[in-house]
Every structure is written in C-alpha cells, then in structure tokens.
Amino acid sequence: MPTTCGNGVVDRFSCRSWENGRVYAERPAPAGLACLWTRTVSEETVQRVVPDGCTDLMWTPATGALFVAGPDTAAQLARVQPGTLYGVRLPPGAFPSVFGVPAHAVRDLRVPLSSLVPDVRLSSFSEMVAFCASRIVVDPALAATASLLRSSADVESAAWEIGLSSRQLRRRCLDAFGYPPKVLQRVLRFDLAMRLAWRGTPFAAVAAEAGYADQAHLAREVRSLAGVPLGQLIRP
C-alpha cells in the first residue's frame, strides 16, 4: 500500500521523510511478510494511497484501534490524524492465510481486525508482527501465478501455463489476491512501474520494463489507478 504525502510517492523499499514533521519509515520483516512500517504526522493530513496488491494490518496506539487494509483497485484518499501509525504489510496472496477470509471480502475496504478474527487481542506492535508471522503461509503456486500474470499480456495463456481453466484462475485470484486476474495484472504492473519511476528510470524505459505497450499505455494506466499523472506521483 504505497502512499503519497503532499506530492511525493513513498518508495516501499526505503525510508523517506517529508516536510512539516511527516515521516514514513520501513524496516525488514520476519520471513513471509513484506515489511514493517511506521508513519508519523504532526498535524492532520490527507494521503493518496495507491494500489500495490498488498494488504496491511495497522495499529494506532493512541486509540488502540486495529484495522486491516484490503487490496485496493484504485487510489484512495485517507485522512491521517496526528501521531504514529504502525503497520505490518503482507505480500500479495497472503491475506487468506492470516485472516481466514478471502481477500475479495475486504477489497477497497478498511475493516476492524475484530470483525475478521474476533477472538484475537493485540496490544503492541510486536504482538501484531508475531500474529501475522505465525499465521502466514507462503504458497509458491500463488507467487508463480502473480509472476506469470505480471509478465503475460494474455490471461488465458497464463491460466494454461499454470494448468488451470480461466474460471479456476479467476476463483484463485479473487480468493488469494482480492482481484480477478486482469485487475491483478494491472495492479502488479503499476506497482512495478512506480518502483522503477521512483528510482529515476526514464518513463519510456519504465513502460518497457514494466510490460506496457508504450509510454502512452503507461500514462493511461497510471491515471486510471492513481488518479493523477506519473510525474505528479513521483514529484519530491
């Protein structure tokens, strides 16, 4: 769930500080998890959250609130209150093993943890991490599915490579990732494009490396999924 704060996109593989006391930081997570992160703001702000296929468990110590962020299909504007928000990010496909429900049940939603696992009580960041790490199951077949869809322009061909019918692939993707295959493909490519662009890759090269037909195709997809042009997303 990469975010923008002001006009800048957060690189999911680094730490980045913003003006006015706003800070986002990531650090490595136990095996199977994508990363651990914190976001601190000194005043109320609005952030643009863009899709990446991941899901997050988030905790606000000031209120004790624990929320799960489902997989997004388009950008969301989130109002963030002053203080520190703690998060555990799960990689694409990991949601059902941790929370026990299909990912499509929380697509584009932010829901209380208690509505998914009522018997679980967590009161610290370390407990959040332990909860996710102890439940997550890394499925190589799902990783292969994501990889094929990211690199293949044809969902039917990807299904054939995996050994599934198109209908079976659709069910698998909805349950594990929260998206039908074509949407998953778009989100994964968009996430790769974001990472390449943030690292300074020229936009034409971003389009080619991420699997878009051309730079115009990249521009259309970024506007569709993020709501703003690529240049605005990565502007410092």
Protein backbone atom coordinates (compact mmCIF):
# COMPACT_ATOMS: atom_id res chain seq x y z
CA MET A 1 0.00 0.00 0.00
CA PRO A 2 2.41 2.71 -1.13
CA THR A 3 1.23 6.21 -0.38
CA THR A 4 1.78 9.77 -1.41
CA CYS A 5 2.11 12.58 1.08
CA GLY A 6 1.90 16.02 -0.43
CA ASN A 7 3.14 15.33 -3.95
CA GLY A 8 5.70 12.61 -3.21
CA VAL A 9 5.34 8.86 -3.57
CA VAL A 10 6.79 6.73 -0.81
CA ASP A 11 9.32 4.23 -2.09
CA ARG A 12 8.27 0.95 -0.46
CA PHE A 13 11.91 -0.15 -0.24
CA SER A 14 13.38 2.78 1.66
CA CYS A 15 12.71 5.37 4.32
CA ARG A 16 11.55 8.83 3.37
CA SER A 17 10.87 11.98 5.41
CA TRP A 18 8.52 14.77 4.46
CA GLU A 19 8.26 18.37 5.41
CA ASN A 20 6.28 19.57 8.43
CA GLY A 21 7.21 16.66 10.64
CA ARG A 22 5.72 13.93 8.47
CA VAL A 23 7.83 10.78 8.41
CA TYR A 24 7.36 7.33 6.90
CA ALA A 25 9.85 4.51 7.51
CA GLU A 26 10.11 0.83 6.65
CA ARG A 27 12.24 -1.95 8.06
CA PRO A 28 12.68 -5.64 7.27
CA ALA A 29 10.06 -8.10 8.49
CA PRO A 30 10.13 -11.77 9.51
CA ALA A 31 10.12 -14.31 6.68
CA GLY A 32 6.97 -14.24 4.60
CA LEU A 33 5.94 -10.69 5.46
CA ALA A 34 6.60 -7.82 3.06
CA CYS A 35 7.79 -5.21 5.57
CA LEU A 36 7.10 -3.40 8.84
CA TRP A 37 6.37 0.32 8.69
CA THR A 38 5.55 3.38 10.74
CA ARG A 39 4.04 6.68 9.67
CA THR A 40 4.22 9.73 11.92
CA VAL A 41 2.49 13.05 11.26
CA SER A 42 2.46 16.14 13.47
CA GLU A 43 -0.76 17.55 12.02
CA GLU A 44 -3.80 16.19 10.22
CA THR A 45 -3.04 15.41 6.60
CA VAL A 46 -4.56 13.68 3.58
CA GLN A 47 -2.64 10.95 1.81
CA ARG A 48 -3.22 9.33 -1.56
CA VAL A 49 -2.96 5.55 -1.14
CA VAL A 50 -2.30 3.77 -4.43
CA PRO A 51 -2.75 0.05 -5.24
CA ASP A 52 0.12 -2.40 -4.94
CA GLY A 53 -1.66 -5.75 -4.37
CA CYS A 54 -0.55 -5.88 -0.73
CA THR A 55 -2.66 -5.81 2.42
CA ASP A 56 -1.82 -4.25 5.78
CA LEU A 57 -2.60 -4.69 9.46
CA MET A 58 -2.48 -1.23 11.07
CA TRP A 59 -2.48 -0.09 14.70
CA THR A 60 -2.94 3.35 16.26
CA PRO A 61 -1.56 3.24 19.84
CA ALA A 62 -3.37 6.41 20.90
CA THR A 63 -6.76 4.79 20.38
CA GLY A 64 -5.85 1.09 20.37
CA ALA A 65 -7.60 0.75 17.01
CA LEU A 66 -6.54 -2.20 14.84
CA PHE A 67 -7.59 -2.11 11.22
CA VAL A 68 -6.98 -4.25 8.16
CA ALA A 69 -6.48 -2.53 4.81
CA GLY A 70 -7.72 -4.70 1.97
CA PRO A 71 -6.32 -4.78 -1.56
CA ASP A 72 -7.13 -1.57 -3.43
CA THR A 73 -8.31 -1.36 -7.03
CA ALA A 74 -7.77 2.40 -7.31
CA ALA A 75 -6.32 5.28 -5.33
CA GLN A 76 -7.93 6.20 -2.03
CA LEU A 77 -7.57 9.47 -0.16
CA ALA A 78 -7.02 8.79 3.55
CA ARG A 79 -7.27 11.42 6.27
CA VAL A 80 -4.47 10.78 8.78
CA GLN A 81 -4.64 12.16 12.32
CA PRO A 82 -1.57 13.43 14.23
CA GLY A 83 0.50 10.69 15.87
CA THR A 84 2.16 7.44 14.81
CA LEU A 85 0.52 4.65 12.85
CA TYR A 86 2.18 1.19 12.89
CA GLY A 87 1.76 -1.32 10.08
CA VAL A 88 2.58 -4.88 9.07
CA ARG A 89 2.44 -5.33 5.30
CA LEU A 90 1.55 -8.69 3.79
CA PRO A 91 2.65 -9.59 0.26
CA PRO A 92 0.08 -10.23 -2.48
CA GLY A 93 -1.73 -13.52 -1.97
CA ALA A 94 -1.04 -13.85 1.77
CA PHE A 95 -4.25 -12.36 3.15
CA PRO A 96 -6.44 -15.50 3.49
CA SER A 97 -3.81 -17.45 5.42
CA VAL A 98 -3.52 -14.71 8.06
CA PHE A 99 -7.12 -13.55 8.42
CA GLY A 100 -9.07 -16.64 7.39
CA VAL A 101 -11.32 -14.99 4.80
CA PRO A 102 -10.90 -14.49 1.04
CA ALA A 103 -9.16 -11.28 0.06
CA HIS A 104 -12.03 -10.11 -2.12
CA ALA A 105 -14.17 -9.79 1.05
CA VAL A 106 -12.17 -6.69 2.04
CA ARG A 107 -11.30 -5.30 -1.39
CA ASP A 108 -11.12 -1.48 -1.26
CA LEU A 109 -12.09 -1.56 2.42
CA ARG A 110 -10.58 -0.73 5.81
CA VAL A 111 -12.13 -3.01 8.43
CA PRO A 112 -11.55 -3.60 12.16
CA LEU A 113 -9.41 -6.63 12.91
CA SER A 114 -12.08 -7.79 15.35
CA SER A 115 -14.56 -8.24 12.50
CA LEU A 116 -12.24 -10.80 10.86
CA VAL A 117 -10.73 -12.60 13.87
CA PRO A 118 -12.95 -11.76 16.89
CA ASP A 119 -11.00 -13.89 19.38
CA VAL A 120 -7.64 -12.15 18.81
CA ARG A 121 -6.49 -9.38 21.16
CA LEU A 122 -3.35 -7.45 20.24
CA SER A 123 -1.94 -4.56 22.26
CA SER A 124 1.53 -3.87 20.84
CA PHE A 125 3.41 -3.70 17.58
CA SER A 126 5.43 -6.80 18.48
CA GLU A 127 2.20 -8.74 19.06
CA MET A 128 0.94 -7.61 15.63
CA VAL A 129 4.12 -8.85 13.98
CA ALA A 130 4.02 -12.18 15.84
CA PHE A 131 0.35 -12.66 14.95
CA CYS A 132 0.97 -12.19 11.22
CA ALA A 133 4.25 -14.10 11.12
CA SER A 134 2.79 -17.11 12.93
CA ARG A 135 -0.19 -17.43 10.59
CA ILE A 136 1.17 -16.53 7.19
CA VAL A 137 1.59 -19.30 4.63
CA VAL A 138 3.79 -18.65 1.62
CA ASP A 139 2.33 -20.53 -1.36
CA PRO A 140 4.80 -20.94 -4.26
CA ALA A 141 1.89 -21.56 -6.63
CA LEU A 142 0.45 -18.14 -5.83
CA ALA A 143 3.83 -16.50 -6.34
CA ALA A 144 4.08 -18.22 -9.72
CA THR A 145 0.58 -17.05 -10.59
CA ALA A 146 1.46 -13.44 -9.79
CA SER A 147 4.71 -13.66 -11.74
CA LEU A 148 3.02 -15.08 -14.83
CA LEU A 149 0.25 -12.53 -14.81
CA ARG A 150 2.72 -9.69 -14.38
CA SER A 151 4.73 -10.80 -17.41
CA SER A 152 1.95 -12.16 -19.67
CA ALA A 153 -0.33 -9.96 -21.76
CA ASP A 154 -2.85 -12.78 -22.09
CA VAL A 155 -4.72 -14.09 -19.03
CA GLU A 156 -5.82 -17.22 -20.90
CA SER A 157 -2.19 -18.05 -21.71
CA ALA A 158 -1.23 -17.55 -18.08
CA ALA A 159 -4.01 -19.91 -16.99
CA TRP A 160 -2.78 -22.52 -19.45
CA GLU A 161 0.80 -22.19 -18.15
CA ILE A 162 -0.39 -22.72 -14.58
CA GLY A 163 -2.57 -25.65 -15.58
CA LEU A 164 -5.92 -24.07 -14.73
CA SER A 165 -9.00 -23.10 -16.67
CA SER A 166 -9.75 -19.39 -16.93
CA ARG A 167 -12.61 -19.87 -14.46
CA GLN A 168 -10.37 -21.67 -11.96
CA LEU A 169 -7.72 -18.96 -12.26
CA ARG A 170 -10.35 -16.30 -11.61
CA ARG A 171 -11.51 -18.04 -8.41
CA ARG A 172 -7.94 -18.48 -7.21
CA CYS A 173 -7.08 -14.84 -7.84
CA LEU A 174 -10.23 -13.49 -6.19
CA ASP A 175 -9.69 -15.58 -3.05
CA ALA A 176 -5.94 -15.06 -2.69
CA PHE A 177 -5.33 -11.59 -4.12
CA GLY A 178 -8.77 -9.97 -4.00
CA TYR A 179 -8.79 -9.22 -7.72
CA PRO A 180 -9.83 -11.01 -10.91
CA PRO A 181 -6.75 -11.93 -12.98
CA LYS A 182 -6.81 -8.94 -15.33
CA VAL A 183 -7.08 -6.46 -12.45
CA LEU A 184 -4.30 -8.26 -10.56
CA GLN A 185 -2.15 -7.99 -13.67
CA ARG A 186 -2.80 -4.24 -13.92
CA VAL A 187 -2.07 -3.62 -10.23
CA LEU A 188 1.18 -5.62 -10.22
CA ARG A 189 2.45 -3.85 -13.32
CA PHE A 190 1.51 -0.50 -11.87
CA ASP A 191 3.39 -1.29 -8.66
CA LEU A 192 6.49 -2.27 -10.64
CA ALA A 193 6.21 0.91 -12.71
CA MET A 194 6.01 3.00 -9.53
CA ARG A 195 9.16 1.46 -8.11
CA LEU A 196 11.07 1.93 -11.37
CA ALA A 197 9.94 5.54 -11.79
CA TRP A 198 10.75 6.44 -8.20
CA ARG A 199 14.28 5.14 -8.70
CA GLY A 200 14.79 7.55 -11.57
CA THR A 201 14.14 5.29 -14.55
CA PRO A 202 13.03 7.31 -17.60
CA PHE A 203 9.32 6.91 -18.25
CA ALA A 204 9.83 5.27 -21.67
CA ALA A 205 12.07 2.66 -20.03
CA VAL A 206 9.55 2.24 -17.19
CA ALA A 207 6.88 1.40 -19.76
CA ALA A 208 9.08 -1.18 -21.47
CA GLU A 209 10.42 -2.81 -18.30
CA ALA A 210 7.02 -2.99 -16.60
CA GLY A 211 5.37 -4.59 -19.63
CA TYR A 212 3.26 -1.76 -21.06
CA ALA A 213 2.68 -1.47 -24.80
CA ASP A 214 4.21 2.01 -24.83
CA GLN A 215 4.56 5.15 -22.72
CA ALA A 216 1.03 6.29 -23.59
CA HIS A 217 -0.32 2.98 -22.26
CA LEU A 218 1.64 3.53 -19.04
CA ALA A 219 0.26 7.07 -18.71
CA ARG A 220 -3.34 5.87 -19.13
CA GLU A 221 -2.94 3.11 -16.57
CA VAL A 222 -1.33 5.40 -14.00
CA ARG A 223 -4.15 7.91 -14.32
CA SER A 224 -6.74 5.14 -14.07
CA LEU A 225 -5.23 3.51 -10.97
CA ALA A 226 -3.73 6.53 -9.19
CA GLY A 227 -5.96 9.37 -10.33
CA VAL A 228 -3.03 11.65 -11.18
CA PRO A 229 -0.16 11.59 -13.73
CA LEU A 230 3.02 9.65 -13.05
CA GLY A 231 5.10 12.81 -12.88
CA GLN A 232 2.95 14.17 -10.07
CA LEU A 233 3.14 10.89 -8.15
CA ILE A 234 6.93 10.87 -8.03
CA ARG A 235 7.48 14.62 -7.63
CA PRO A 236 9.59 15.30 -4.48
